[in-house]
Amino acid sequence: MDPDKQRRIASKGGKAAQSSGHAHQLSDADRSRGGKMSPANFANRPKEEVQAIGRKGGKASGGTRRGDNY
């Protein structure tokens, strides 16, 4: 599909959701936080917590990396 046509269709859907009240409404506080509180945002987590998550993933993988053929 032509990207411009797809953009027009998506725009109509967004406008319809807004006018019918079905679109997600963010408060000013939610908007200012943005992605800062996202659980996937490792930049805002303590260093020790990120290291623990990495160790857990390494143990689950058996300590091997994908693509290692030796």
N, C-alpha and C. Protein backbone atom coordinates (compact mmCIF):
# COMPACT_ATOMS: atom_id res chain seq x y z
N MET A 1 0.84 -1.17 0.00
CA MET A 1 0.00 0.00 0.00
C MET A 1 0.89 1.24 0.00
N ASP A 2 0.43 2.25 -0.69
CA ASP A 2 1.14 3.51 -0.76
C ASP A 2 1.26 4.11 0.66
N PRO A 3 2.46 4.49 1.10
CA PRO A 3 2.63 5.02 2.46
C PRO A 3 1.74 6.24 2.75
N ASP A 4 1.53 7.09 1.75
CA ASP A 4 0.69 8.27 1.97
C ASP A 4 -0.76 7.86 2.20
N LYS A 5 -1.23 6.88 1.44
CA LYS A 5 -2.60 6.39 1.61
C LYS A 5 -2.76 5.74 2.98
N GLN A 6 -1.77 4.97 3.39
CA GLN A 6 -1.81 4.32 4.71
C GLN A 6 -1.85 5.37 5.82
N ARG A 7 -1.07 6.44 5.69
CA ARG A 7 -1.05 7.52 6.67
C ARG A 7 -2.41 8.21 6.76
N ARG A 8 -3.06 8.42 5.60
CA ARG A 8 -4.39 9.05 5.61
C ARG A 8 -5.42 8.17 6.31
N ILE A 9 -5.36 6.86 6.06
CA ILE A 9 -6.28 5.93 6.70
C ILE A 9 -6.07 5.91 8.21
N ALA A 10 -4.82 5.86 8.64
CA ALA A 10 -4.51 5.84 10.07
C ALA A 10 -4.96 7.15 10.73
N SER A 11 -4.80 8.25 10.03
CA SER A 11 -5.21 9.54 10.57
C SER A 11 -6.71 9.57 10.80
N LYS A 12 -7.47 9.02 9.86
CA LYS A 12 -8.93 8.97 10.02
C LYS A 12 -9.31 8.13 11.24
N GLY A 13 -8.61 7.02 11.44
CA GLY A 13 -8.89 6.16 12.59
C GLY A 13 -8.60 6.86 13.90
N GLY A 14 -7.49 7.59 13.95
CA GLY A 14 -7.13 8.33 15.16
C GLY A 14 -8.13 9.42 15.47
N LYS A 15 -8.57 10.13 14.44
CA LYS A 15 -9.56 11.20 14.64
C LYS A 15 -10.89 10.63 15.09
N ALA A 16 -11.28 9.48 14.55
CA ALA A 16 -12.53 8.84 14.95
C ALA A 16 -12.47 8.39 16.41
N ALA A 17 -11.33 7.83 16.83
CA ALA A 17 -11.18 7.37 18.21
C ALA A 17 -11.23 8.56 19.17
N GLN A 18 -10.61 9.67 18.79
CA GLN A 18 -10.62 10.86 19.64
C GLN A 18 -12.04 11.41 19.77
N SER A 19 -12.74 11.50 18.67
CA SER A 19 -14.07 12.11 18.71
C SER A 19 -15.09 11.22 19.44
N SER A 20 -14.90 9.91 19.41
CA SER A 20 -15.84 9.02 20.09
C SER A 20 -15.47 8.79 21.55
N GLY A 21 -14.29 9.27 21.97
CA GLY A 21 -13.87 9.13 23.36
C GLY A 21 -13.21 7.80 23.67
N HIS A 22 -12.84 7.03 22.66
CA HIS A 22 -12.21 5.72 22.88
C HIS A 22 -10.68 5.78 22.89
N ALA A 23 -10.12 6.92 22.54
CA ALA A 23 -8.66 7.04 22.53
C ALA A 23 -8.15 7.18 23.95
N HIS A 24 -6.93 6.74 24.19
CA HIS A 24 -6.34 6.83 25.53
C HIS A 24 -6.07 8.28 25.86
N GLN A 25 -6.52 8.71 27.03
CA GLN A 25 -6.32 10.09 27.47
C GLN A 25 -5.22 10.11 28.53
N LEU A 26 -4.18 10.88 28.31
CA LEU A 26 -3.08 10.99 29.25
C LEU A 26 -3.22 12.25 30.09
N SER A 27 -2.89 12.12 31.37
CA SER A 27 -2.86 13.29 32.23
C SER A 27 -1.54 14.03 31.98
N ASP A 28 -1.43 15.25 32.51
CA ASP A 28 -0.18 16.00 32.37
C ASP A 28 0.97 15.26 33.03
N ALA A 29 0.70 14.62 34.18
CA ALA A 29 1.75 13.87 34.88
C ALA A 29 2.22 12.68 34.05
N ASP A 30 1.27 11.96 33.43
CA ASP A 30 1.63 10.82 32.58
C ASP A 30 2.48 11.28 31.39
N ARG A 31 2.07 12.38 30.80
CA ARG A 31 2.79 12.88 29.64
C ARG A 31 4.21 13.30 29.99
N SER A 32 4.39 13.92 31.16
CA SER A 32 5.72 14.39 31.52
C SER A 32 6.65 13.23 31.86
N ARG A 33 6.09 12.14 32.38
CA ARG A 33 6.92 10.98 32.70
C ARG A 33 7.37 10.26 31.45
N GLY A 34 6.51 10.18 30.47
CA GLY A 34 6.85 9.52 29.21
C GLY A 34 7.34 8.11 29.42
N GLY A 35 8.47 7.76 28.84
CA GLY A 35 9.02 6.42 28.96
C GLY A 35 9.93 6.24 30.15
N LYS A 36 10.04 7.24 31.01
CA LYS A 36 10.96 7.16 32.14
C LYS A 36 10.64 6.00 33.07
N MET A 37 9.35 5.67 33.23
CA MET A 37 8.96 4.64 34.18
C MET A 37 8.74 3.28 33.51
N SER A 38 9.06 3.18 32.24
CA SER A 38 8.87 1.93 31.52
C SER A 38 9.73 0.83 32.13
N PRO A 39 9.14 -0.36 32.40
CA PRO A 39 9.94 -1.44 32.96
C PRO A 39 11.07 -1.89 32.04
N ALA A 40 10.94 -1.63 30.76
CA ALA A 40 11.98 -2.04 29.82
C ALA A 40 13.11 -1.02 29.72
N ASN A 41 12.97 0.12 30.38
CA ASN A 41 13.98 1.17 30.29
C ASN A 41 15.07 0.92 31.33
N PHE A 42 16.14 0.25 30.93
CA PHE A 42 17.21 -0.13 31.85
C PHE A 42 18.04 1.06 32.29
N ALA A 43 17.99 2.17 31.58
CA ALA A 43 18.80 3.32 31.93
C ALA A 43 18.39 3.92 33.27
N ASN A 44 17.13 3.70 33.68
CA ASN A 44 16.64 4.28 34.92
C ASN A 44 16.65 3.29 36.07
N ARG A 45 17.23 2.11 35.87
CA ARG A 45 17.29 1.12 36.94
C ARG A 45 18.64 1.16 37.63
N PRO A 46 18.68 0.76 38.89
CA PRO A 46 19.97 0.71 39.59
C PRO A 46 20.92 -0.29 38.91
N LYS A 47 22.21 0.01 38.94
CA LYS A 47 23.21 -0.81 38.28
C LYS A 47 23.16 -2.26 38.74
N GLU A 48 22.98 -2.47 40.06
CA GLU A 48 22.96 -3.82 40.61
C GLU A 48 21.77 -4.62 40.07
N GLU A 49 20.64 -3.95 39.92
CA GLU A 49 19.45 -4.64 39.40
C GLU A 49 19.66 -5.06 37.94
N VAL A 50 20.26 -4.19 37.15
CA VAL A 50 20.52 -4.51 35.74
C VAL A 50 21.50 -5.68 35.64
N GLN A 51 22.52 -5.69 36.50
CA GLN A 51 23.48 -6.79 36.49
C GLN A 51 22.81 -8.11 36.87
N ALA A 52 21.91 -8.08 37.85
CA ALA A 52 21.19 -9.29 38.26
C ALA A 52 20.32 -9.82 37.12
N ILE A 53 19.67 -8.92 36.40
CA ILE A 53 18.84 -9.33 35.26
C ILE A 53 19.72 -9.98 34.19
N GLY A 54 20.90 -9.41 33.94
CA GLY A 54 21.81 -9.97 32.95
C GLY A 54 22.31 -11.35 33.34
N ARG A 55 22.63 -11.53 34.62
CA ARG A 55 23.07 -12.85 35.09
C ARG A 55 21.97 -13.89 34.93
N LYS A 56 20.75 -13.49 35.26
CA LYS A 56 19.61 -14.41 35.15
C LYS A 56 19.43 -14.85 33.70
N GLY A 57 19.56 -13.91 32.76
CA GLY A 57 19.44 -14.25 31.34
C GLY A 57 20.56 -15.15 30.88
N GLY A 58 21.78 -14.91 31.38
CA GLY A 58 22.92 -15.75 31.01
C GLY A 58 22.76 -17.18 31.50
N LYS A 59 22.22 -17.32 32.72
CA LYS A 59 21.99 -18.67 33.26
C LYS A 59 20.92 -19.39 32.46
N ALA A 60 19.88 -18.69 32.08
CA ALA A 60 18.79 -19.30 31.33
C ALA A 60 19.25 -19.77 29.96
N SER A 61 20.23 -19.06 29.38
CA SER A 61 20.70 -19.44 28.05
C SER A 61 21.74 -20.55 28.11
N GLY A 62 22.12 -20.96 29.31
CA GLY A 62 23.15 -21.98 29.45
C GLY A 62 24.54 -21.42 29.29
N GLY A 63 24.65 -20.10 29.29
CA GLY A 63 25.95 -19.45 29.16
C GLY A 63 26.48 -19.42 27.76
N THR A 64 25.66 -19.77 26.78
CA THR A 64 26.11 -19.74 25.39
C THR A 64 25.42 -18.61 24.65
N ARG A 65 26.06 -18.17 23.59
CA ARG A 65 25.48 -17.13 22.74
C ARG A 65 24.95 -17.77 21.48
N ARG A 66 23.97 -17.14 20.91
CA ARG A 66 23.45 -17.63 19.63
C ARG A 66 24.52 -17.51 18.57
N GLY A 67 24.59 -18.47 17.71
CA GLY A 67 25.54 -18.41 16.62
C GLY A 67 26.88 -19.00 16.94
N ASP A 68 27.12 -19.37 18.21
CA ASP A 68 28.39 -20.00 18.56
C ASP A 68 28.37 -21.43 18.06
N ASN A 69 29.32 -21.79 17.23
CA ASN A 69 29.35 -23.14 16.66
C ASN A 69 30.60 -23.88 17.10
N TYR A 70 30.97 -23.77 18.36
CA TYR A 70 32.14 -24.49 18.84
C TYR A 70 31.92 -25.09 20.17
